[in-house]
Amino acid sequence: MQTVITVTLNGESRALDGPVSIAGLLATLGLEARKVAVECNEAIVPRSQYTATWLASGDALEIVHFIGGG
């Protein structure tokens, strides 16, 4: 069953088709899991838990991209 959930993503409200995991959200956003860090409700989510961590309405997420350079 698909429902709409509303989360805060990097400070902006966003409606998502749910249920969705962090891995699903990253795929929807076109982001590679190995190139980002994700915080959900002020707790860092281990990369190994992205597929097992399901989002709910009201969750606050911060996604940080790793940038290489020198």
C-alpha atoms as a PDB file:
ATOM      1  CA  MET A   1       0.000   0.000   0.000  1.00  0.00           C
ATOM      2  CA  GLN A   2       1.424   3.353  -1.026  1.00  0.00           C
ATOM      3  CA  THR A   3       0.974   6.437   1.141  1.00  0.00           C
ATOM      4  CA  VAL A   4       2.448   9.901   1.149  1.00  0.00           C
ATOM      5  CA  ILE A   5       4.829  10.771   3.956  1.00  0.00           C
ATOM      6  CA  THR A   6       6.277  14.197   4.673  1.00  0.00           C
ATOM      7  CA  VAL A   7       9.861  14.505   5.867  1.00  0.00           C
ATOM      8  CA  THR A   8      12.255  17.387   6.326  1.00  0.00           C
ATOM      9  CA  LEU A   9      15.243  16.906   4.028  1.00  0.00           C
ATOM     10  CA  ASN A  10      18.183  19.255   4.580  1.00  0.00           C
ATOM     11  CA  GLY A  11      15.837  21.813   6.111  1.00  0.00           C
ATOM     12  CA  GLU A  12      13.127  21.639   3.444  1.00  0.00           C
ATOM     13  CA  SER A  13       9.789  19.855   3.661  1.00  0.00           C
ATOM     14  CA  ARG A  14       9.392  17.118   1.080  1.00  0.00           C
ATOM     15  CA  ALA A  15       6.491  14.767   0.319  1.00  0.00           C
ATOM     16  CA  LEU A  16       7.533  11.214  -0.583  1.00  0.00           C
ATOM     17  CA  ASP A  17       5.657   8.176  -1.814  1.00  0.00           C
ATOM     18  CA  GLY A  18       5.948   5.709   1.050  1.00  0.00           C
ATOM     19  CA  PRO A  19       6.799   3.396   2.432  1.00  0.00           C
ATOM     20  CA  VAL A  20      10.408   4.238   1.591  1.00  0.00           C
ATOM     21  CA  SER A  21      13.743   3.357   3.147  1.00  0.00           C
ATOM     22  CA  ILE A  22      16.791   5.583   3.252  1.00  0.00           C
ATOM     23  CA  ALA A  23      18.252   3.470   0.421  1.00  0.00           C
ATOM     24  CA  GLY A  24      15.086   4.053  -1.623  1.00  0.00           C
ATOM     25  CA  LEU A  25      15.212   7.782  -0.964  1.00  0.00           C
ATOM     26  CA  LEU A  26      18.846   7.960  -2.054  1.00  0.00           C
ATOM     27  CA  ALA A  27      17.986   6.075  -5.261  1.00  0.00           C
ATOM     28  CA  THR A  28      15.082   8.450  -5.932  1.00  0.00           C
ATOM     29  CA  LEU A  29      17.424  11.403  -5.471  1.00  0.00           C
ATOM     30  CA  GLY A  30      20.048   9.822  -7.740  1.00  0.00           C
ATOM     31  CA  LEU A  31      22.636   9.640  -4.963  1.00  0.00           C
ATOM     32  CA  GLU A  32      25.139   6.845  -4.409  1.00  0.00           C
ATOM     33  CA  ALA A  33      25.021   5.483  -0.862  1.00  0.00           C
ATOM     34  CA  ARG A  34      28.800   5.233  -0.678  1.00  0.00           C
ATOM     35  CA  LYS A  35      29.197   8.954  -1.413  1.00  0.00           C
ATOM     36  CA  VAL A  36      26.891  10.363   1.280  1.00  0.00           C
ATOM     37  CA  ALA A  37      26.349  10.357   5.021  1.00  0.00           C
ATOM     38  CA  VAL A  38      22.797  10.361   6.346  1.00  0.00           C
ATOM     39  CA  GLU A  39      21.496  11.627   9.664  1.00  0.00           C
ATOM     40  CA  CYS A  40      17.920  10.786  10.638  1.00  0.00           C
ATOM     41  CA  ASN A  41      16.360  12.533  13.631  1.00  0.00           C
ATOM     42  CA  GLU A  42      19.785  13.719  14.818  1.00  0.00           C
ATOM     43  CA  ALA A  43      21.360  10.234  14.719  1.00  0.00           C
ATOM     44  CA  ILE A  44      23.850   9.131  12.081  1.00  0.00           C
ATOM     45  CA  VAL A  45      22.559   6.084  10.222  1.00  0.00           C
ATOM     46  CA  PRO A  46      25.248   3.474   9.432  1.00  0.00           C
ATOM     47  CA  ARG A  47      25.477   2.801   5.703  1.00  0.00           C
ATOM     48  CA  SER A  48      24.789  -0.876   6.429  1.00  0.00           C
ATOM     49  CA  GLN A  49      21.347   0.136   7.770  1.00  0.00           C
ATOM     50  CA  TYR A  50      20.154   2.248   4.811  1.00  0.00           C
ATOM     51  CA  THR A  51      17.955  -0.540   3.406  1.00  0.00           C
ATOM     52  CA  ALA A  52      16.563  -1.458   6.830  1.00  0.00           C
ATOM     53  CA  THR A  53      15.764   2.095   7.984  1.00  0.00           C
ATOM     54  CA  TRP A  54      12.244   3.057   6.936  1.00  0.00           C
ATOM     55  CA  LEU A  55      11.138   6.658   6.961  1.00  0.00           C
ATOM     56  CA  ALA A  56       7.994   7.985   8.624  1.00  0.00           C
ATOM     57  CA  SER A  57       6.150  11.285   8.423  1.00  0.00           C
ATOM     58  CA  GLY A  58       7.868  13.869  10.565  1.00  0.00           C
ATOM     59  CA  ASP A  59      11.381  12.437  10.215  1.00  0.00           C
ATOM     60  CA  ALA A  60      14.153  15.009   9.841  1.00  0.00           C
ATOM     61  CA  LEU A  61      16.995  14.011   7.508  1.00  0.00           C
ATOM     62  CA  GLU A  62      20.312  15.587   6.688  1.00  0.00           C
ATOM     63  CA  ILE A  63      22.253  14.210   3.728  1.00  0.00           C
ATOM     64  CA  VAL A  64      25.862  15.276   3.316  1.00  0.00           C
ATOM     65  CA  HIS A  65      27.789  14.610   0.088  1.00  0.00           C
ATOM     66  CA  PHE A  66      31.458  13.660   0.186  1.00  0.00           C
ATOM     67  CA  ILE A  67      33.529  15.779  -2.153  1.00  0.00           C
ATOM     68  CA  GLY A  68      37.023  14.762  -3.223  1.00  0.00           C
ATOM     69  CA  GLY A  69      39.707  17.179  -4.119  1.00  0.00           C
ATOM     70  CA  GLY A  70      42.982  18.522  -3.072  1.00  0.00           C
END
